């Protein structure tokens, strides 16, 4: 059904706006205590500033390989075919 509206000077056909896509907003980081001992870090901007101020950087995932200290756990992972580094 066609709808009409008054635009201030005459009656015109109402044009329906296209539906807007839903927006998804990612929440900021929850607050945490800096491991560098510089205080509370509350959000991404504070994290970047803390790293910059202390001369640090984030470690890329391919730079880090964990070392496991529990030999039974290391053996279990190796039996499952997962190559892990144990305590040397």
PDB file of N, CA and C in Angstrom:
ATOM      1  N   UNK A   1       0.835  -1.162   0.000  1.00  0.00           N
ATOM      2  CA  UNK A   1       0.000   0.000   0.000  1.00  0.00           C
ATOM      3  C   UNK A   1       0.894   1.245   0.000  1.00  0.00           C
ATOM      4  N   UNK A   2       0.590   2.181  -0.841  1.00  0.00           N
ATOM      5  CA  UNK A   2       1.351   3.416  -0.944  1.00  0.00           C
ATOM      6  C   UNK A   2       0.983   4.341   0.208  1.00  0.00           C
ATOM      7  N   UNK A   3       2.024   4.957   0.797  1.00  0.00           N
ATOM      8  CA  UNK A   3       1.784   5.898   1.893  1.00  0.00           C
ATOM      9  C   UNK A   3       2.201   7.285   1.432  1.00  0.00           C
ATOM     10  N   UNK A   4       1.515   8.276   1.933  1.00  0.00           N
ATOM     11  CA  UNK A   4       1.807   9.659   1.585  1.00  0.00           C
ATOM     12  C   UNK A   4       2.100  10.459   2.849  1.00  0.00           C
ATOM     13  N   UNK A   5       2.983  11.442   2.697  1.00  0.00           N
ATOM     14  CA  UNK A   5       3.332  12.309   3.821  1.00  0.00           C
ATOM     15  C   UNK A   5       3.354  13.758   3.361  1.00  0.00           C
ATOM     16  N   UNK A   6       3.221  14.659   4.290  1.00  0.00           N
ATOM     17  CA  UNK A   6       3.290  16.096   4.014  1.00  0.00           C
ATOM     18  C   UNK A   6       4.738  16.531   4.192  1.00  0.00           C
ATOM     19  N   UNK A   7       5.338  17.138   3.149  1.00  0.00           N
ATOM     20  CA  UNK A   7       6.737  17.550   3.240  1.00  0.00           C
ATOM     21  C   UNK A   7       6.907  19.017   3.591  1.00  0.00           C
ATOM     22  N   UNK A   8       5.846  19.683   3.951  1.00  0.00           N
ATOM     23  CA  UNK A   8       5.906  21.092   4.310  1.00  0.00           C
ATOM     24  C   UNK A   8       5.219  21.975   3.302  1.00  0.00           C
ATOM     25  N   UNK A   9       5.139  21.502   2.046  1.00  0.00           N
ATOM     26  CA  UNK A   9       4.466  22.312   1.033  1.00  0.00           C
ATOM     27  C   UNK A   9       3.450  21.513   0.233  1.00  0.00           C
ATOM     28  N   UNK A  10       3.610  20.200   0.185  1.00  0.00           N
ATOM     29  CA  UNK A  10       2.653  19.374  -0.554  1.00  0.00           C
ATOM     30  C   UNK A  10       2.711  17.936  -0.061  1.00  0.00           C
ATOM     31  N   UNK A  11       1.747  17.144  -0.481  1.00  0.00           N
ATOM     32  CA  UNK A  11       1.686  15.733  -0.132  1.00  0.00           C
ATOM     33  C   UNK A  11       2.508  14.961  -1.156  1.00  0.00           C
ATOM     34  N   UNK A  12       3.447  14.137  -0.649  1.00  0.00           N
ATOM     35  CA  UNK A  12       4.291  13.341  -1.542  1.00  0.00           C
ATOM     36  C   UNK A  12       4.280  11.886  -1.087  1.00  0.00           C
ATOM     37  N   UNK A  13       4.674  11.020  -2.002  1.00  0.00           N
ATOM     38  CA  UNK A  13       4.741   9.585  -1.677  1.00  0.00           C
ATOM     39  C   UNK A  13       5.911   9.352  -0.723  1.00  0.00           C
ATOM     40  N   UNK A  14       5.663   8.580   0.322  1.00  0.00           N
ATOM     41  CA  UNK A  14       6.706   8.294   1.313  1.00  0.00           C
ATOM     42  C   UNK A  14       7.645   7.246   0.758  1.00  0.00           C
ATOM     43  N   UNK A  15       8.915   7.536   0.816  1.00  0.00           N
ATOM     44  CA  UNK A  15       9.940   6.604   0.344  1.00  0.00           C
ATOM     45  C   UNK A  15      10.513   5.901   1.564  1.00  0.00           C
ATOM     46  N   UNK A  16      10.391   4.605   1.569  1.00  0.00           N
ATOM     47  CA  UNK A  16      10.912   3.811   2.679  1.00  0.00           C
ATOM     48  C   UNK A  16      12.424   3.669   2.539  1.00  0.00           C
ATOM     49  N   UNK A  17      13.127   3.881   3.609  1.00  0.00           N
ATOM     50  CA  UNK A  17      14.581   3.723   3.607  1.00  0.00           C
ATOM     51  C   UNK A  17      14.942   2.249   3.584  1.00  0.00           C
ATOM     52  N   UNK A  18      16.047   1.949   2.937  1.00  0.00           N
ATOM     53  CA  UNK A  18      16.534   0.570   2.906  1.00  0.00           C
ATOM     54  C   UNK A  18      16.947   0.170   4.312  1.00  0.00           C
ATOM     55  N   UNK A  19      16.720  -1.080   4.684  1.00  0.00           N
ATOM     56  CA  UNK A  19      17.115  -1.503   6.024  1.00  0.00           C
ATOM     57  C   UNK A  19      18.635  -1.406   6.197  1.00  0.00           C
ATOM     58  N   UNK A  20      19.040  -0.940   7.357  1.00  0.00           N
ATOM     59  CA  UNK A  20      20.473  -0.814   7.639  1.00  0.00           C
ATOM     60  C   UNK A  20      21.029  -2.161   8.075  1.00  0.00           C
ATOM     61  N   UNK A  21      22.263  -2.461   7.659  1.00  0.00           N
ATOM     62  CA  UNK A  21      22.866  -3.713   8.151  1.00  0.00           C
ATOM     63  C   UNK A  21      23.167  -3.587   9.634  1.00  0.00           C
ATOM     64  N   UNK A  22      23.121  -4.713  10.320  1.00  0.00           N
ATOM     65  CA  UNK A  22      23.424  -4.697  11.753  1.00  0.00           C
ATOM     66  C   UNK A  22      24.902  -4.433  11.962  1.00  0.00           C
ATOM     67  N   UNK A  23      25.211  -3.642  12.948  1.00  0.00           N
ATOM     68  CA  UNK A  23      26.595  -3.338  13.277  1.00  0.00           C
ATOM     69  C   UNK A  23      27.049  -4.217  14.436  1.00  0.00           C
ATOM     70  N   UNK A  24      28.253  -4.711  14.327  1.00  0.00           N
ATOM     71  CA  UNK A  24      28.841  -5.497  15.404  1.00  0.00           C
ATOM     72  C   UNK A  24      30.028  -4.725  15.940  1.00  0.00           C
ATOM     73  N   UNK A  25      29.974  -4.372  17.193  1.00  0.00           N
ATOM     74  CA  UNK A  25      31.039  -3.602  17.810  1.00  0.00           C
ATOM     75  C   UNK A  25      31.800  -4.516  18.753  1.00  0.00           C
ATOM     76  N   UNK A  26      33.100  -4.598  18.508  1.00  0.00           N
ATOM     77  CA  UNK A  26      33.937  -5.439  19.356  1.00  0.00           C
ATOM     78  C   UNK A  26      34.280  -4.673  20.621  1.00  0.00           C
ATOM     79  N   UNK A  27      34.103  -5.321  21.746  1.00  0.00           N
ATOM     80  CA  UNK A  27      34.403  -4.659  23.004  1.00  0.00           C
ATOM     81  C   UNK A  27      35.909  -4.521  23.178  1.00  0.00           C
ATOM     82  N   UNK A  28      36.304  -3.585  24.005  1.00  0.00           N
ATOM     83  CA  UNK A  28      37.706  -3.343  24.275  1.00  0.00           C
ATOM     84  C   UNK A  28      38.237  -4.418  25.228  1.00  0.00           C
ATOM     85  N   UNK A  29      39.527  -4.436  25.414  1.00  0.00           N
ATOM     86  CA  UNK A  29      40.143  -5.404  26.320  1.00  0.00           C
ATOM     87  C   UNK A  29      39.706  -5.133  27.756  1.00  0.00           C
ATOM     88  N   UNK A  30      39.484  -6.168  28.529  1.00  0.00           N
ATOM     89  CA  UNK A  30      39.201  -5.933  29.947  1.00  0.00           C
ATOM     90  C   UNK A  30      40.468  -5.430  30.642  1.00  0.00           C
ATOM     91  N   UNK A  31      40.299  -4.694  31.701  1.00  0.00           N
ATOM     92  CA  UNK A  31      41.435  -4.131  32.431  1.00  0.00           C
ATOM     93  C   UNK A  31      42.262  -5.247  33.066  1.00  0.00           C
ATOM     94  N   UNK A  32      43.579  -5.058  33.062  1.00  0.00           N
ATOM     95  CA  UNK A  32      44.474  -6.019  33.700  1.00  0.00           C
ATOM     96  C   UNK A  32      45.707  -5.283  34.219  1.00  0.00           C
ATOM     97  N   UNK A  33      46.412  -5.906  35.155  1.00  0.00           N
ATOM     98  CA  UNK A  33      47.626  -5.326  35.715  1.00  0.00           C
ATOM     99  C   UNK A  33      48.785  -5.608  34.760  1.00  0.00           C
ATOM    100  N   UNK A  34      49.542  -4.579  34.448  1.00  0.00           N
ATOM    101  CA  UNK A  34      50.659  -4.724  33.523  1.00  0.00           C
ATOM    102  C   UNK A  34      51.707  -5.676  34.083  1.00  0.00           C
ATOM    103  N   UNK A  35      52.186  -6.636  33.282  1.00  0.00           N
ATOM    104  CA  UNK A  35      53.248  -7.521  33.758  1.00  0.00           C
ATOM    105  C   UNK A  35      54.576  -6.773  33.949  1.00  0.00           C
ATOM    106  N   UNK A  36      54.667  -5.564  33.400  1.00  0.00           N
ATOM    107  CA  UNK A  36      55.877  -4.763  33.551  1.00  0.00           C
ATOM    108  C   UNK A  36      55.868  -3.953  34.835  1.00  0.00           C
ATOM    109  N   UNK A  37      54.749  -4.008  35.567  1.00  0.00           N
ATOM    110  CA  UNK A  37      54.644  -3.294  36.828  1.00  0.00           C
ATOM    111  C   UNK A  37      54.375  -1.809  36.664  1.00  0.00           C
ATOM    112  N   UNK A  38      53.815  -1.420  35.517  1.00  0.00           N
ATOM    113  CA  UNK A  38      53.559   0.000  35.262  1.00  0.00           C
ATOM    114  C   UNK A  38      52.141   0.420  35.593  1.00  0.00           C
ATOM    115  N   UNK A  39      51.356  -0.446  36.199  1.00  0.00           N
ATOM    116  CA  UNK A  39      50.002  -0.075  36.616  1.00  0.00           C
ATOM    117  C   UNK A  39      48.929  -0.855  35.892  1.00  0.00           C
ATOM    118  N   UNK A  40      47.730  -0.300  35.894  1.00  0.00           N
ATOM    119  CA  UNK A  40      46.568  -0.936  35.308  1.00  0.00           C
ATOM    120  C   UNK A  40      46.467  -0.580  33.830  1.00  0.00           C
ATOM    121  N   UNK A  41      46.245  -1.569  32.989  1.00  0.00           N
ATOM    122  CA  UNK A  41      46.067  -1.367  31.558  1.00  0.00           C
ATOM    123  C   UNK A  41      44.580  -1.549  31.270  1.00  0.00           C
ATOM    124  N   UNK A  42      43.965  -0.508  30.741  1.00  0.00           N
ATOM    125  CA  UNK A  42      42.526  -0.541  30.511  1.00  0.00           C
ATOM    126  C   UNK A  42      42.237  -0.228  29.046  1.00  0.00           C
ATOM    127  N   UNK A  43      42.320  -1.240  28.192  1.00  0.00           N
ATOM    128  CA  UNK A  43      41.983  -1.068  26.781  1.00  0.00           C
ATOM    129  C   UNK A  43      43.188  -1.168  25.861  1.00  0.00           C
ATOM    130  N   UNK A  44      42.881  -1.202  24.562  1.00  0.00           N
ATOM    131  CA  UNK A  44      43.923  -1.381  23.550  1.00  0.00           C
ATOM    132  C   UNK A  44      44.876  -0.194  23.469  1.00  0.00           C
ATOM    133  N   UNK A  45      44.348   1.017  23.564  1.00  0.00           N
ATOM    134  CA  UNK A  45      45.207   2.201  23.484  1.00  0.00           C
ATOM    135  C   UNK A  45      46.190   2.227  24.647  1.00  0.00           C
ATOM    136  N   UNK A  46      45.729   1.905  25.839  1.00  0.00           N
ATOM    137  CA  UNK A  46      46.612   1.864  27.004  1.00  0.00           C
ATOM    138  C   UNK A  46      47.657   0.767  26.847  1.00  0.00           C
ATOM    139  N   UNK A  47      47.281  -0.343  26.233  1.00  0.00           N
ATOM    140  CA  UNK A  47      48.232  -1.439  25.992  1.00  0.00           C
ATOM    141  C   UNK A  47      49.336  -0.997  25.039  1.00  0.00           C
ATOM    142  N   UNK A  48      48.928  -0.334  23.941  1.00  0.00           N
ATOM    143  CA  UNK A  48      49.921   0.150  22.980  1.00  0.00           C
ATOM    144  C   UNK A  48      50.878   1.150  23.641  1.00  0.00           C
ATOM    145  N   UNK A  49      50.324   2.068  24.441  1.00  0.00           N
ATOM    146  CA  UNK A  49      51.149   3.060  25.127  1.00  0.00           C
ATOM    147  C   UNK A  49      52.108   2.401  26.115  1.00  0.00           C
ATOM    148  N   UNK A  50      51.638   1.402  26.851  1.00  0.00           N
ATOM    149  CA  UNK A  50      52.485   0.709  27.823  1.00  0.00           C
ATOM    150  C   UNK A  50      53.638  -0.002  27.121  1.00  0.00           C
ATOM    151  N   UNK A  51      53.355  -0.669  26.017  1.00  0.00           N
ATOM    152  CA  UNK A  51      54.411  -1.354  25.263  1.00  0.00           C
ATOM    153  C   UNK A  51      55.411  -0.350  24.703  1.00  0.00           C
ATOM    154  N   UNK A  52      54.901   0.758  24.158  1.00  0.00           N
ATOM    155  CA  UNK A  52      55.760   1.788  23.579  1.00  0.00           C
ATOM    156  C   UNK A  52      56.648   2.426  24.648  1.00  0.00           C
ATOM    157  N   UNK A  53      56.051   2.755  25.786  1.00  0.00           N
ATOM    158  CA  UNK A  53      56.766   3.415  26.869  1.00  0.00           C
ATOM    159  C   UNK A  53      57.886   2.525  27.420  1.00  0.00           C
ATOM    160  N   UNK A  54      57.664   1.226  27.440  1.00  0.00           N
ATOM    161  CA  UNK A  54      58.653   0.312  28.011  1.00  0.00           C
ATOM    162  C   UNK A  54      59.602  -0.272  26.966  1.00  0.00           C
ATOM    163  N   UNK A  55      59.409   0.092  25.693  1.00  0.00           N
ATOM    164  CA  UNK A  55      60.295  -0.407  24.642  1.00  0.00           C
ATOM    165  C   UNK A  55      60.054  -1.865  24.305  1.00  0.00           C
ATOM    166  N   UNK A  56      58.849  -2.361  24.550  1.00  0.00           N
ATOM    167  CA  UNK A  56      58.519  -3.757  24.278  1.00  0.00           C
ATOM    168  C   UNK A  56      57.675  -3.875  23.012  1.00  0.00           C
ATOM    169  N   UNK A  57      57.455  -5.084  22.586  1.00  0.00           N
ATOM    170  CA  UNK A  57      56.570  -5.363  21.456  1.00  0.00           C
ATOM    171  C   UNK A  57      55.862  -6.681  21.704  1.00  0.00           C
ATOM    172  N   UNK A  58      54.787  -6.911  20.960  1.00  0.00           N
ATOM    173  CA  UNK A  58      54.076  -8.176  21.096  1.00  0.00           C
ATOM    174  C   UNK A  58      54.842  -9.261  20.357  1.00  0.00           C
ATOM    175  N   UNK A  59      54.766 -10.463  20.854  1.00  0.00           N
ATOM    176  CA  UNK A  59      55.429 -11.598  20.232  1.00  0.00           C
ATOM    177  C   UNK A  59      54.481 -12.191  19.200  1.00  0.00           C
ATOM    178  N   UNK A  60      54.992 -12.385  17.981  1.00  0.00           N
ATOM    179  CA  UNK A  60      54.187 -13.010  16.936  1.00  0.00           C
ATOM    180  C   UNK A  60      53.994 -14.484  17.280  1.00  0.00           C
ATOM    181  N   UNK A  61      52.854 -15.078  16.911  1.00  0.00           N
ATOM    182  CA  UNK A  61      52.603 -16.479  17.262  1.00  0.00           C
ATOM    183  C   UNK A  61      53.671 -17.440  16.743  1.00  0.00           C
ATOM    184  N   UNK A  62      54.280 -17.145  15.602  1.00  0.00           N
ATOM    185  CA  UNK A  62      55.292 -18.061  15.075  1.00  0.00           C
ATOM    186  C   UNK A  62      56.645 -17.906  15.776  1.00  0.00           C
ATOM    187  N   UNK A  63      56.810 -16.889  16.615  1.00  0.00           N
ATOM    188  CA  UNK A  63      58.048 -16.702  17.365  1.00  0.00           C
ATOM    189  C   UNK A  63      58.071 -17.471  18.672  1.00  0.00           C
ATOM    190  N   UNK A  64      56.939 -17.926  19.125  1.00  0.00           N
ATOM    191  CA  UNK A  64      56.822 -18.508  20.462  1.00  0.00           C
ATOM    192  C   UNK A  64      56.507 -19.988  20.382  1.00  0.00           C
ATOM    193  N   UNK A  65      57.315 -20.800  21.040  1.00  0.00           N
ATOM    194  CA  UNK A  65      57.029 -22.217  21.172  1.00  0.00           C
ATOM    195  C   UNK A  65      57.164 -22.541  22.654  1.00  0.00           C
ATOM    196  N   UNK A  66      56.077 -22.931  23.313  1.00  0.00           N
ATOM    197  CA  UNK A  66      56.132 -23.157  24.751  1.00  0.00           C
ATOM    198  C   UNK A  66      57.018 -24.339  25.124  1.00  0.00           C
ATOM    199  N   UNK A  67      57.613 -24.274  26.290  1.00  0.00           N
ATOM    200  CA  UNK A  67      58.395 -25.367  26.848  1.00  0.00           C
ATOM    201  C   UNK A  67      57.612 -25.931  28.031  1.00  0.00           C
ATOM    202  N   UNK A  68      57.328 -27.214  27.966  1.00  0.00           N
ATOM    203  CA  UNK A  68      56.551 -27.865  29.015  1.00  0.00           C
ATOM    204  C   UNK A  68      57.486 -28.482  30.034  1.00  0.00           C
ATOM    205  N   UNK A  69      57.183 -28.331  31.315  1.00  0.00           N
ATOM    206  CA  UNK A  69      58.043 -28.859  32.376  1.00  0.00           C
ATOM    207  C   UNK A  69      57.553 -30.190  32.928  1.00  0.00           C
ATOM    208  N   UNK A  70      56.331 -30.566  32.671  1.00  0.00           N
ATOM    209  CA  UNK A  70      55.782 -31.824  33.153  1.00  0.00           C
ATOM    210  C   UNK A  70      56.081 -32.910  32.108  1.00  0.00           C
ATOM    211  N   UNK A  71      57.033 -33.770  32.416  1.00  0.00           N
ATOM    212  CA  UNK A  71      57.477 -34.783  31.449  1.00  0.00           C
ATOM    213  C   UNK A  71      56.371 -35.777  31.088  1.00  0.00           C
ATOM    214  N   UNK A  72      55.504 -36.104  32.052  1.00  0.00           N
ATOM    215  CA  UNK A  72      54.393 -37.016  31.735  1.00  0.00           C
ATOM    216  C   UNK A  72      53.460 -36.389  30.707  1.00  0.00           C
ATOM    217  N   UNK A  73      53.212 -35.089  30.843  1.00  0.00           N
ATOM    218  CA  UNK A  73      52.356 -34.391  29.886  1.00  0.00           C
ATOM    219  C   UNK A  73      53.027 -34.328  28.512  1.00  0.00           C
ATOM    220  N   UNK A  74      54.346 -34.099  28.491  1.00  0.00           N
ATOM    221  CA  UNK A  74      55.094 -34.052  27.233  1.00  0.00           C
ATOM    222  C   UNK A  74      54.998 -35.403  26.528  1.00  0.00           C
ATOM    223  N   UNK A  75      55.187 -36.483  27.267  1.00  0.00           N
ATOM    224  CA  UNK A  75      55.101 -37.814  26.675  1.00  0.00           C
ATOM    225  C   UNK A  75      53.700 -38.094  26.140  1.00  0.00           C
ATOM    226  N   UNK A  76      52.697 -37.677  26.866  1.00  0.00           N
ATOM    227  CA  UNK A  76      51.309 -37.872  26.420  1.00  0.00           C
ATOM    228  C   UNK A  76      51.066 -37.138  25.108  1.00  0.00           C
ATOM    229  N   UNK A  77      51.532 -35.889  25.007  1.00  0.00           N
ATOM    230  CA  UNK A  77      51.361 -35.123  23.772  1.00  0.00           C
ATOM    231  C   UNK A  77      52.119 -35.765  22.617  1.00  0.00           C
ATOM    232  N   UNK A  78      53.319 -36.258  22.905  1.00  0.00           N
ATOM    233  CA  UNK A  78      54.107 -36.905  21.846  1.00  0.00           C
ATOM    234  C   UNK A  78      53.444 -38.196  21.359  1.00  0.00           C
ATOM    235  N   UNK A  79      52.820 -38.945  22.280  1.00  0.00           N
ATOM    236  CA  UNK A  79      52.088 -40.155  21.867  1.00  0.00           C
ATOM    237  C   UNK A  79      50.918 -39.809  20.958  1.00  0.00           C
ATOM    238  N   UNK A  80      50.338 -38.606  21.174  1.00  0.00           N
ATOM    239  CA  UNK A  80      49.236 -38.162  20.336  1.00  0.00           C
ATOM    240  C   UNK A  80      49.733 -37.591  18.998  1.00  0.00           C
ATOM    241  N   UNK A  81      51.054 -37.537  18.808  1.00  0.00           N
ATOM    242  CA  UNK A  81      51.615 -37.042  17.555  1.00  0.00           C
ATOM    243  C   UNK A  81      51.826 -35.544  17.537  1.00  0.00           C
ATOM    244  N   UNK A  82      51.822 -34.919  18.703  1.00  0.00           N
ATOM    245  CA  UNK A  82      52.033 -33.468  18.790  1.00  0.00           C
ATOM    246  C   UNK A  82      53.485 -33.236  19.160  1.00  0.00           C
ATOM    247  N   UNK A  83      54.208 -32.525  18.306  1.00  0.00           N
ATOM    248  CA  UNK A  83      55.628 -32.261  18.535  1.00  0.00           C
ATOM    249  C   UNK A  83      55.751 -31.092  19.504  1.00  0.00           C
ATOM    250  N   UNK A  84      56.215 -31.360  20.709  1.00  0.00           N
ATOM    251  CA  UNK A  84      56.379 -30.329  21.730  1.00  0.00           C
ATOM    252  C   UNK A  84      57.803 -30.360  22.254  1.00  0.00           C
ATOM    253  N   UNK A  85      58.201 -29.264  22.892  1.00  0.00           N
ATOM    254  CA  UNK A  85      59.524 -29.150  23.470  1.00  0.00           C
ATOM    255  C   UNK A  85      59.402 -29.322  24.973  1.00  0.00           C
ATOM    256  N   UNK A  86      60.142 -30.272  25.527  1.00  0.00           N
ATOM    257  CA  UNK A  86      60.116 -30.498  26.961  1.00  0.00           C
ATOM    258  C   UNK A  86      61.285 -29.825  27.632  1.00  0.00           C
ATOM    259  N   UNK A  87      61.361 -29.984  28.944  1.00  0.00           N
ATOM    260  CA  UNK A  87      62.455 -29.406  29.735  1.00  0.00           C
ATOM    261  C   UNK A  87      63.754 -30.077  29.323  1.00  0.00           C
ATOM    262  N   UNK A  88      64.766 -29.262  29.028  1.00  0.00           N
ATOM    263  CA  UNK A  88      66.068 -29.824  28.588  1.00  0.00           C
ATOM    264  C   UNK A  88      66.993 -30.082  29.724  1.00  0.00           C
TER     265      UNK A  88
END
